[in-house]
């Protein structure tokens, strides 16, 4: 909560979600988040 949303928001305004290395890292973070729902 302290790291992922602000990263995605800031980077989306500077091409982050249009650049493969950054969307790869975003996929990693979303996987991290998704695991919390499952492991709850």
ModelCIF file with pLDDT and N, C-alpha, C, O atoms, coordinates in Angstrom:
data_MODEL
#
_entry.id   MODEL 
#
_entity.id                         1 
_entity.type                       polymer 
_entity.pdbx_number_of_molecules   1 
#
_entity_poly.entity_id                      1 
_entity_poly.type                           'polypeptide(L)' 
_entity_poly.nstd_linkage                   no 
_entity_poly.nstd_monomer                   no 
_entity_poly.pdbx_seq_one_letter_code       
;(UNK)(UNK)(UNK)(UNK)(UNK)(UNK)(UNK)(UNK)(UNK)(UNK)(UNK)(UNK)(UNK)(UNK)(UNK)(UNK)
(UNK)(UNK)(UNK)(UNK)(UNK)(UNK)(UNK)(UNK)(UNK)(UNK)(UNK)(UNK)(UNK)(UNK)(UNK)(UNK)
(UNK)(UNK)(UNK)(UNK)(UNK)(UNK)(UNK)(UNK)
;
_entity_poly.pdbx_seq_one_letter_code_can   XXXXXXXXXXXXXXXXXXXXXXXXXXXXXXXXXXXXXXXX 
_entity_poly.pdbx_strand_id                 A 
#
loop_
_entity_poly_seq.entity_id 
_entity_poly_seq.num 
_entity_poly_seq.mon_id 
_entity_poly_seq.hetero 
1 1  UNK n 
1 2  UNK n 
1 3  UNK n 
1 4  UNK n 
1 5  UNK n 
1 6  UNK n 
1 7  UNK n 
1 8  UNK n 
1 9  UNK n 
1 10 UNK n 
1 11 UNK n 
1 12 UNK n 
1 13 UNK n 
1 14 UNK n 
1 15 UNK n 
1 16 UNK n 
1 17 UNK n 
1 18 UNK n 
1 19 UNK n 
1 20 UNK n 
1 21 UNK n 
1 22 UNK n 
1 23 UNK n 
1 24 UNK n 
1 25 UNK n 
1 26 UNK n 
1 27 UNK n 
1 28 UNK n 
1 29 UNK n 
1 30 UNK n 
1 31 UNK n 
1 32 UNK n 
1 33 UNK n 
1 34 UNK n 
1 35 UNK n 
1 36 UNK n 
1 37 UNK n 
1 38 UNK n 
1 39 UNK n 
1 40 UNK n 
#
_struct_asym.id          A 
_struct_asym.entity_id   1 
#
loop_
_ma_qa_metric.id 
_ma_qa_metric.mode 
_ma_qa_metric.name 
_ma_qa_metric.software_group_id 
_ma_qa_metric.type 
1 global pLDDT . pLDDT 
2 local  pLDDT . pLDDT 
#
_ma_qa_metric_global.metric_id      1 
_ma_qa_metric_global.metric_value   92.30 
_ma_qa_metric_global.model_id       1 
_ma_qa_metric_global.ordinal_id     1 
#
loop_
_ma_qa_metric_local.label_asym_id 
_ma_qa_metric_local.label_comp_id 
_ma_qa_metric_local.label_seq_id 
_ma_qa_metric_local.metric_id 
_ma_qa_metric_local.metric_value 
_ma_qa_metric_local.model_id 
_ma_qa_metric_local.ordinal_id 
A UNK 1  2 97.00 1 1  
A UNK 2  2 96.00 1 2  
A UNK 3  2 96.00 1 3  
A UNK 4  2 96.00 1 4  
A UNK 5  2 95.00 1 5  
A UNK 6  2 95.00 1 6  
A UNK 7  2 94.00 1 7  
A UNK 8  2 92.00 1 8  
A UNK 9  2 91.00 1 9  
A UNK 10 2 89.00 1 10 
A UNK 11 2 85.00 1 11 
A UNK 12 2 85.00 1 12 
A UNK 13 2 81.00 1 13 
A UNK 14 2 77.00 1 14 
A UNK 15 2 78.00 1 15 
A UNK 16 2 83.00 1 16 
A UNK 17 2 88.00 1 17 
A UNK 18 2 89.00 1 18 
A UNK 19 2 90.00 1 19 
A UNK 20 2 90.00 1 20 
A UNK 21 2 92.00 1 21 
A UNK 22 2 93.00 1 22 
A UNK 23 2 94.00 1 23 
A UNK 24 2 95.00 1 24 
A UNK 25 2 96.00 1 25 
A UNK 26 2 96.00 1 26 
A UNK 27 2 96.00 1 27 
A UNK 28 2 97.00 1 28 
A UNK 29 2 97.00 1 29 
A UNK 30 2 97.00 1 30 
A UNK 31 2 97.00 1 31 
A UNK 32 2 98.00 1 32 
A UNK 33 2 97.00 1 33 
A UNK 34 2 96.00 1 34 
A UNK 35 2 96.00 1 35 
A UNK 36 2 96.00 1 36 
A UNK 37 2 94.00 1 37 
A UNK 38 2 93.00 1 38 
A UNK 39 2 94.00 1 39 
A UNK 40 2 91.00 1 40 
#
loop_
_atom_site.group_PDB 
_atom_site.id 
_atom_site.type_symbol 
_atom_site.label_atom_id 
_atom_site.label_alt_id 
_atom_site.label_comp_id 
_atom_site.label_asym_id 
_atom_site.label_entity_id 
_atom_site.label_seq_id 
_atom_site.pdbx_PDB_ins_code 
_atom_site.Cartn_x 
_atom_site.Cartn_y 
_atom_site.Cartn_z 
_atom_site.occupancy 
_atom_site.B_iso_or_equiv 
_atom_site.pdbx_formal_charge 
_atom_site.auth_seq_id 
_atom_site.auth_comp_id 
_atom_site.auth_asym_id 
_atom_site.auth_atom_id 
_atom_site.pdbx_PDB_model_num 
ATOM 1   N N  . UNK A 1 1  ? 0.825  -1.204  0.000   1.00 97.00 ? 1  UNK A N  1 
ATOM 2   C CA . UNK A 1 1  ? 0.000  0.000   0.000   1.00 97.00 ? 1  UNK A CA 1 
ATOM 3   C C  . UNK A 1 1  ? 0.862  1.258   0.000   1.00 97.00 ? 1  UNK A C  1 
ATOM 4   O O  . UNK A 1 1  ? 0.487  2.273   -0.587  1.00 97.00 ? 1  UNK A O  1 
ATOM 5   N N  . UNK A 1 2  ? 2.010  1.190   0.654   1.00 96.00 ? 2  UNK A N  1 
ATOM 6   C CA . UNK A 1 2  ? 2.910  2.340   0.717   1.00 96.00 ? 2  UNK A CA 1 
ATOM 7   C C  . UNK A 1 2  ? 3.697  2.541   -0.569  1.00 96.00 ? 2  UNK A C  1 
ATOM 8   O O  . UNK A 1 2  ? 4.190  3.640   -0.822  1.00 96.00 ? 2  UNK A O  1 
ATOM 9   N N  . UNK A 1 3  ? 3.823  1.496   -1.386  1.00 96.00 ? 3  UNK A N  1 
ATOM 10  C CA . UNK A 1 3  ? 4.744  1.567   -2.522  1.00 96.00 ? 3  UNK A CA 1 
ATOM 11  C C  . UNK A 1 3  ? 4.084  1.420   -3.897  1.00 96.00 ? 3  UNK A C  1 
ATOM 12  O O  . UNK A 1 3  ? 4.358  2.210   -4.801  1.00 96.00 ? 3  UNK A O  1 
ATOM 13  N N  . UNK A 1 4  ? 3.217  0.413   -4.061  1.00 96.00 ? 4  UNK A N  1 
ATOM 14  C CA . UNK A 1 4  ? 2.726  0.059   -5.401  1.00 96.00 ? 4  UNK A CA 1 
ATOM 15  C C  . UNK A 1 4  ? 1.818  1.114   -6.032  1.00 96.00 ? 4  UNK A C  1 
ATOM 16  O O  . UNK A 1 4  ? 2.069  1.495   -7.176  1.00 96.00 ? 4  UNK A O  1 
ATOM 17  N N  . UNK A 1 5  ? 0.762  1.616   -5.346  1.00 95.00 ? 5  UNK A N  1 
ATOM 18  C CA . UNK A 1 5  ? -0.138 2.568   -6.010  1.00 95.00 ? 5  UNK A CA 1 
ATOM 19  C C  . UNK A 1 5  ? 0.559  3.836   -6.480  1.00 95.00 ? 5  UNK A C  1 
ATOM 20  O O  . UNK A 1 5  ? 0.310  4.293   -7.595  1.00 95.00 ? 5  UNK A O  1 
ATOM 21  N N  . UNK A 1 6  ? 1.428  4.416   -5.651  1.00 95.00 ? 6  UNK A N  1 
ATOM 22  C CA . UNK A 1 6  ? 2.092  5.652   -6.054  1.00 95.00 ? 6  UNK A CA 1 
ATOM 23  C C  . UNK A 1 6  ? 3.041  5.399   -7.221  1.00 95.00 ? 6  UNK A C  1 
ATOM 24  O O  . UNK A 1 6  ? 3.179  6.244   -8.105  1.00 95.00 ? 6  UNK A O  1 
ATOM 25  N N  . UNK A 1 7  ? 3.695  4.236   -7.226  1.00 94.00 ? 7  UNK A N  1 
ATOM 26  C CA . UNK A 1 7  ? 4.567  3.901   -8.347  1.00 94.00 ? 7  UNK A CA 1 
ATOM 27  C C  . UNK A 1 7  ? 3.767  3.813   -9.648  1.00 94.00 ? 7  UNK A C  1 
ATOM 28  O O  . UNK A 1 7  ? 4.145  4.408   -10.657 1.00 94.00 ? 7  UNK A O  1 
ATOM 29  N N  . UNK A 1 8  ? 2.668  3.071   -9.617  1.00 92.00 ? 8  UNK A N  1 
ATOM 30  C CA . UNK A 1 8  ? 1.868  2.884   -10.825 1.00 92.00 ? 8  UNK A CA 1 
ATOM 31  C C  . UNK A 1 8  ? 1.293  4.216   -11.298 1.00 92.00 ? 8  UNK A C  1 
ATOM 32  O O  . UNK A 1 8  ? 1.277  4.494   -12.498 1.00 92.00 ? 8  UNK A O  1 
ATOM 33  N N  . UNK A 1 9  ? 0.820  5.040   -10.363 1.00 91.00 ? 9  UNK A N  1 
ATOM 34  C CA . UNK A 1 9  ? 0.244  6.336   -10.732 1.00 91.00 ? 9  UNK A CA 1 
ATOM 35  C C  . UNK A 1 9  ? 1.291  7.254   -11.368 1.00 91.00 ? 9  UNK A C  1 
ATOM 36  O O  . UNK A 1 9  ? 1.065  7.801   -12.447 1.00 91.00 ? 9  UNK A O  1 
ATOM 37  N N  . UNK A 1 10 ? 2.426  7.422   -10.707 1.00 89.00 ? 10 UNK A N  1 
ATOM 38  C CA . UNK A 1 10 ? 3.462  8.321   -11.205 1.00 89.00 ? 10 UNK A CA 1 
ATOM 39  C C  . UNK A 1 10 ? 3.994  7.850   -12.551 1.00 89.00 ? 10 UNK A C  1 
ATOM 40  O O  . UNK A 1 10 ? 4.175  8.642   -13.476 1.00 89.00 ? 10 UNK A O  1 
ATOM 41  N N  . UNK A 1 11 ? 4.240  6.553   -12.644 1.00 85.00 ? 11 UNK A N  1 
ATOM 42  C CA . UNK A 1 11 ? 4.843  6.043   -13.866 1.00 85.00 ? 11 UNK A CA 1 
ATOM 43  C C  . UNK A 1 11 ? 3.868  6.004   -15.037 1.00 85.00 ? 11 UNK A C  1 
ATOM 44  O O  . UNK A 1 11 ? 4.286  6.061   -16.194 1.00 85.00 ? 11 UNK A O  1 
ATOM 45  N N  . UNK A 1 12 ? 2.577  5.908   -14.745 1.00 85.00 ? 12 UNK A N  1 
ATOM 46  C CA . UNK A 1 12 ? 1.612  5.905   -15.835 1.00 85.00 ? 12 UNK A CA 1 
ATOM 47  C C  . UNK A 1 12 ? 1.597  7.234   -16.581 1.00 85.00 ? 12 UNK A C  1 
ATOM 48  O O  . UNK A 1 12 ? 1.212  7.287   -17.749 1.00 85.00 ? 12 UNK A O  1 
ATOM 49  N N  . UNK A 1 13 ? 2.012  8.305   -15.912 1.00 81.00 ? 13 UNK A N  1 
ATOM 50  C CA . UNK A 1 13 ? 2.031  9.626   -16.526 1.00 81.00 ? 13 UNK A CA 1 
ATOM 51  C C  . UNK A 1 13 ? 3.304  9.884   -17.327 1.00 81.00 ? 13 UNK A C  1 
ATOM 52  O O  . UNK A 1 13 ? 3.415  10.896  -18.018 1.00 81.00 ? 13 UNK A O  1 
ATOM 53  N N  . UNK A 1 14 ? 4.268  8.957   -17.230 1.00 77.00 ? 14 UNK A N  1 
ATOM 54  C CA . UNK A 1 14 ? 5.522  9.139   -17.956 1.00 77.00 ? 14 UNK A CA 1 
ATOM 55  C C  . UNK A 1 14 ? 5.872  7.900   -18.788 1.00 77.00 ? 14 UNK A C  1 
ATOM 56  O O  . UNK A 1 14 ? 7.045  7.561   -18.947 1.00 77.00 ? 14 UNK A O  1 
ATOM 57  N N  . UNK A 1 15 ? 4.878  7.252   -19.297 1.00 78.00 ? 15 UNK A N  1 
ATOM 58  C CA . UNK A 1 15 ? 5.089  6.137   -20.210 1.00 78.00 ? 15 UNK A CA 1 
ATOM 59  C C  . UNK A 1 15 ? 5.348  4.798   -19.564 1.00 78.00 ? 15 UNK A C  1 
ATOM 60  O O  . UNK A 1 15 ? 5.693  3.839   -20.254 1.00 78.00 ? 15 UNK A O  1 
ATOM 61  N N  . UNK A 1 16 ? 5.188  4.706   -18.240 1.00 83.00 ? 16 UNK A N  1 
ATOM 62  C CA . UNK A 1 16 ? 5.507  3.472   -17.542 1.00 83.00 ? 16 UNK A CA 1 
ATOM 63  C C  . UNK A 1 16 ? 4.708  2.266   -18.008 1.00 83.00 ? 16 UNK A C  1 
ATOM 64  O O  . UNK A 1 16 ? 5.249  1.165   -18.103 1.00 83.00 ? 16 UNK A O  1 
ATOM 65  N N  . UNK A 1 17 ? 3.437  2.459   -18.296 1.00 88.00 ? 17 UNK A N  1 
ATOM 66  C CA . UNK A 1 17 ? 2.583  1.357   -18.725 1.00 88.00 ? 17 UNK A CA 1 
ATOM 67  C C  . UNK A 1 17 ? 2.604  1.172   -20.240 1.00 88.00 ? 17 UNK A C  1 
ATOM 68  O O  . UNK A 1 17 ? 1.812  0.408   -20.791 1.00 88.00 ? 17 UNK A O  1 
ATOM 69  N N  . UNK A 1 18 ? 3.516  1.875   -20.906 1.00 89.00 ? 18 UNK A N  1 
ATOM 70  C CA . UNK A 1 18 ? 3.735  1.684   -22.340 1.00 89.00 ? 18 UNK A CA 1 
ATOM 71  C C  . UNK A 1 18 ? 5.157  1.203   -22.618 1.00 89.00 ? 18 UNK A C  1 
ATOM 72  O O  . UNK A 1 18 ? 5.644  1.303   -23.744 1.00 89.00 ? 18 UNK A O  1 
ATOM 73  N N  . UNK A 1 19 ? 5.814  0.682   -21.591 1.00 90.00 ? 19 UNK A N  1 
ATOM 74  C CA . UNK A 1 19 ? 7.220  0.308   -21.663 1.00 90.00 ? 19 UNK A CA 1 
ATOM 75  C C  . UNK A 1 19 ? 7.379  -1.066  -21.028 1.00 90.00 ? 19 UNK A C  1 
ATOM 76  O O  . UNK A 1 19 ? 7.090  -1.235  -19.844 1.00 90.00 ? 19 UNK A O  1 
ATOM 77  N N  . UNK A 1 20 ? 7.831  -2.044  -21.793 1.00 90.00 ? 20 UNK A N  1 
ATOM 78  C CA . UNK A 1 20 ? 7.800  -3.444  -21.373 1.00 90.00 ? 20 UNK A CA 1 
ATOM 79  C C  . UNK A 1 20 ? 8.498  -3.724  -20.039 1.00 90.00 ? 20 UNK A C  1 
ATOM 80  O O  . UNK A 1 20 ? 7.914  -4.431  -19.217 1.00 90.00 ? 20 UNK A O  1 
ATOM 81  N N  . UNK A 1 21 ? 9.722  -3.211  -19.762 1.00 92.00 ? 21 UNK A N  1 
ATOM 82  C CA . UNK A 1 21 ? 10.333 -3.502  -18.460 1.00 92.00 ? 21 UNK A CA 1 
ATOM 83  C C  . UNK A 1 21 ? 9.485  -3.039  -17.284 1.00 92.00 ? 21 UNK A C  1 
ATOM 84  O O  . UNK A 1 21 ? 9.449  -3.698  -16.245 1.00 92.00 ? 21 UNK A O  1 
ATOM 85  N N  . UNK A 1 22 ? 8.805  -1.913  -17.440 1.00 93.00 ? 22 UNK A N  1 
ATOM 86  C CA . UNK A 1 22 ? 7.989  -1.405  -16.345 1.00 93.00 ? 22 UNK A CA 1 
ATOM 87  C C  . UNK A 1 22 ? 6.687  -2.191  -16.200 1.00 93.00 ? 22 UNK A C  1 
ATOM 88  O O  . UNK A 1 22 ? 6.215  -2.390  -15.081 1.00 93.00 ? 22 UNK A O  1 
ATOM 89  N N  . UNK A 1 23 ? 6.100  -2.641  -17.308 1.00 94.00 ? 23 UNK A N  1 
ATOM 90  C CA . UNK A 1 23 ? 4.892  -3.461  -17.173 1.00 94.00 ? 23 UNK A CA 1 
ATOM 91  C C  . UNK A 1 23 ? 5.245  -4.847  -16.655 1.00 94.00 ? 23 UNK A C  1 
ATOM 92  O O  . UNK A 1 23 ? 4.418  -5.494  -16.013 1.00 94.00 ? 23 UNK A O  1 
ATOM 93  N N  . UNK A 1 24 ? 6.475  -5.316  -16.926 1.00 95.00 ? 24 UNK A N  1 
ATOM 94  C CA . UNK A 1 24 ? 6.927  -6.571  -16.335 1.00 95.00 ? 24 UNK A CA 1 
ATOM 95  C C  . UNK A 1 24 ? 7.002  -6.439  -14.817 1.00 95.00 ? 24 UNK A C  1 
ATOM 96  O O  . UNK A 1 24 ? 6.533  -7.316  -14.092 1.00 95.00 ? 24 UNK A O  1 
ATOM 97  N N  . UNK A 1 25 ? 7.589  -5.350  -14.338 1.00 96.00 ? 25 UNK A N  1 
ATOM 98  C CA . UNK A 1 25 ? 7.662  -5.116  -12.898 1.00 96.00 ? 25 UNK A CA 1 
ATOM 99  C C  . UNK A 1 25 ? 6.267  -4.899  -12.308 1.00 96.00 ? 25 UNK A C  1 
ATOM 100 O O  . UNK A 1 25 ? 5.992  -5.345  -11.194 1.00 96.00 ? 25 UNK A O  1 
ATOM 101 N N  . UNK A 1 26 ? 5.391  -4.223  -13.040 1.00 96.00 ? 26 UNK A N  1 
ATOM 102 C CA . UNK A 1 26 ? 4.018  -4.036  -12.586 1.00 96.00 ? 26 UNK A CA 1 
ATOM 103 C C  . UNK A 1 26 ? 3.307  -5.379  -12.454 1.00 96.00 ? 26 UNK A C  1 
ATOM 104 O O  . UNK A 1 26 ? 2.552  -5.592  -11.506 1.00 96.00 ? 26 UNK A O  1 
ATOM 105 N N  . UNK A 1 27 ? 3.548  -6.300  -13.415 1.00 96.00 ? 27 UNK A N  1 
ATOM 106 C CA . UNK A 1 27 ? 2.974  -7.636  -13.319 1.00 96.00 ? 27 UNK A CA 1 
ATOM 107 C C  . UNK A 1 27 ? 3.453  -8.363  -12.076 1.00 96.00 ? 27 UNK A C  1 
ATOM 108 O O  . UNK A 1 27 ? 2.675  -9.055  -11.420 1.00 96.00 ? 27 UNK A O  1 
ATOM 109 N N  . UNK A 1 28 ? 4.728  -8.211  -11.749 1.00 97.00 ? 28 UNK A N  1 
ATOM 110 C CA . UNK A 1 28 ? 5.296  -8.779  -10.526 1.00 97.00 ? 28 UNK A CA 1 
ATOM 111 C C  . UNK A 1 28 ? 4.562  -8.237  -9.293  1.00 97.00 ? 28 UNK A C  1 
ATOM 112 O O  . UNK A 1 28 ? 4.181  -9.006  -8.410  1.00 97.00 ? 28 UNK A O  1 
ATOM 113 N N  . UNK A 1 29 ? 4.367  -6.925  -9.235  1.00 97.00 ? 29 UNK A N  1 
ATOM 114 C CA . UNK A 1 29 ? 3.690  -6.313  -8.092  1.00 97.00 ? 29 UNK A CA 1 
ATOM 115 C C  . UNK A 1 29 ? 2.242  -6.768  -7.976  1.00 97.00 ? 29 UNK A C  1 
ATOM 116 O O  . UNK A 1 29 ? 1.769  -7.047  -6.875  1.00 97.00 ? 29 UNK A O  1 
ATOM 117 N N  . UNK A 1 30 ? 1.534  -6.847  -9.099  1.00 97.00 ? 30 UNK A N  1 
ATOM 118 C CA . UNK A 1 30 ? 0.148  -7.295  -9.073  1.00 97.00 ? 30 UNK A CA 1 
ATOM 119 C C  . UNK A 1 30 ? 0.047  -8.749  -8.639  1.00 97.00 ? 30 UNK A C  1 
ATOM 120 O O  . UNK A 1 30 ? -0.915 -9.131  -7.972  1.00 97.00 ? 30 UNK A O  1 
ATOM 121 N N  . UNK A 1 31 ? 1.026  -9.559  -9.010  1.00 97.00 ? 31 UNK A N  1 
ATOM 122 C CA . UNK A 1 31 ? 1.077  -10.945 -8.549  1.00 97.00 ? 31 UNK A CA 1 
ATOM 123 C C  . UNK A 1 31 ? 1.249  -10.990 -7.028  1.00 97.00 ? 31 UNK A C  1 
ATOM 124 O O  . UNK A 1 31 ? 0.588  -11.774 -6.347  1.00 97.00 ? 31 UNK A O  1 
ATOM 125 N N  . UNK A 1 32 ? 2.120  -10.165 -6.514  1.00 98.00 ? 32 UNK A N  1 
ATOM 126 C CA . UNK A 1 32 ? 2.334  -10.012 -5.079  1.00 98.00 ? 32 UNK A CA 1 
ATOM 127 C C  . UNK A 1 32 ? 1.001  -9.668  -4.391  1.00 98.00 ? 32 UNK A C  1 
ATOM 128 O O  . UNK A 1 32 ? 0.640  -10.277 -3.384  1.00 98.00 ? 32 UNK A O  1 
ATOM 129 N N  . UNK A 1 33 ? 0.281  -8.691  -4.946  1.00 97.00 ? 33 UNK A N  1 
ATOM 130 C CA . UNK A 1 33 ? -1.006 -8.283  -4.383  1.00 97.00 ? 33 UNK A CA 1 
ATOM 131 C C  . UNK A 1 33 ? -2.036 -9.411  -4.449  1.00 97.00 ? 33 UNK A C  1 
ATOM 132 O O  . UNK A 1 33 ? -2.743 -9.672  -3.475  1.00 97.00 ? 33 UNK A O  1 
ATOM 133 N N  . UNK A 1 34 ? -2.115 -10.074 -5.597  1.00 96.00 ? 34 UNK A N  1 
ATOM 134 C CA . UNK A 1 34 ? -3.112 -11.125 -5.799  1.00 96.00 ? 34 UNK A CA 1 
ATOM 135 C C  . UNK A 1 34 ? -2.916 -12.266 -4.810  1.00 96.00 ? 34 UNK A C  1 
ATOM 136 O O  . UNK A 1 34 ? -3.885 -12.877 -4.359  1.00 96.00 ? 34 UNK A O  1 
ATOM 137 N N  . UNK A 1 35 ? -1.664 -12.551 -4.474  1.00 96.00 ? 35 UNK A N  1 
ATOM 138 C CA . UNK A 1 35 ? -1.397 -13.632 -3.529  1.00 96.00 ? 35 UNK A CA 1 
ATOM 139 C C  . UNK A 1 35 ? -1.997 -13.350 -2.159  1.00 96.00 ? 35 UNK A C  1 
ATOM 140 O O  . UNK A 1 35 ? -2.373 -14.281 -1.447  1.00 96.00 ? 35 UNK A O  1 
ATOM 141 N N  . UNK A 1 36 ? -2.094 -12.076 -1.780  1.00 96.00 ? 36 UNK A N  1 
ATOM 142 C CA . UNK A 1 36 ? -2.674 -11.739 -0.487  1.00 96.00 ? 36 UNK A CA 1 
ATOM 143 C C  . UNK A 1 36 ? -4.133 -12.159 -0.406  1.00 96.00 ? 36 UNK A C  1 
ATOM 144 O O  . UNK A 1 36 ? -4.579 -12.666 0.623   1.00 96.00 ? 36 UNK A O  1 
ATOM 145 N N  . UNK A 1 37 ? -4.877 -11.951 -1.485  1.00 94.00 ? 37 UNK A N  1 
ATOM 146 C CA . UNK A 1 37 ? -6.288 -12.344 -1.512  1.00 94.00 ? 37 UNK A CA 1 
ATOM 147 C C  . UNK A 1 37 ? -6.406 -13.851 -1.332  1.00 94.00 ? 37 UNK A C  1 
ATOM 148 O O  . UNK A 1 37 ? -7.226 -14.327 -0.548  1.00 94.00 ? 37 UNK A O  1 
ATOM 149 N N  . UNK A 1 38 ? -5.587 -14.594 -2.055  1.00 93.00 ? 38 UNK A N  1 
ATOM 150 C CA . UNK A 1 38 ? -5.634 -16.053 -1.968  1.00 93.00 ? 38 UNK A CA 1 
ATOM 151 C C  . UNK A 1 38 ? -5.218 -16.549 -0.595  1.00 93.00 ? 38 UNK A C  1 
ATOM 152 O O  . UNK A 1 38 ? -5.869 -17.430 -0.033  1.00 93.00 ? 38 UNK A O  1 
ATOM 153 N N  . UNK A 1 39 ? -4.139 -15.996 -0.044  1.00 94.00 ? 39 UNK A N  1 
ATOM 154 C CA . UNK A 1 39 ? -3.602 -16.492 1.213   1.00 94.00 ? 39 UNK A CA 1 
ATOM 155 C C  . UNK A 1 39 ? -4.398 -16.049 2.433   1.00 94.00 ? 39 UNK A C  1 
ATOM 156 O O  . UNK A 1 39 ? -4.226 -16.599 3.521   1.00 94.00 ? 39 UNK A O  1 
ATOM 157 N N  . UNK A 1 40 ? -5.264 -15.065 2.259   1.00 91.00 ? 40 UNK A N  1 
ATOM 158 C CA . UNK A 1 40 ? -6.125 -14.667 3.371   1.00 91.00 ? 40 UNK A CA 1 
ATOM 159 C C  . UNK A 1 40 ? -6.978 -15.833 3.849   1.00 91.00 ? 40 UNK A C  1 
ATOM 160 O O  . UNK A 1 40 ? -7.766 -15.680 4.783   1.00 91.00 ? 40 UNK A O  1 
#
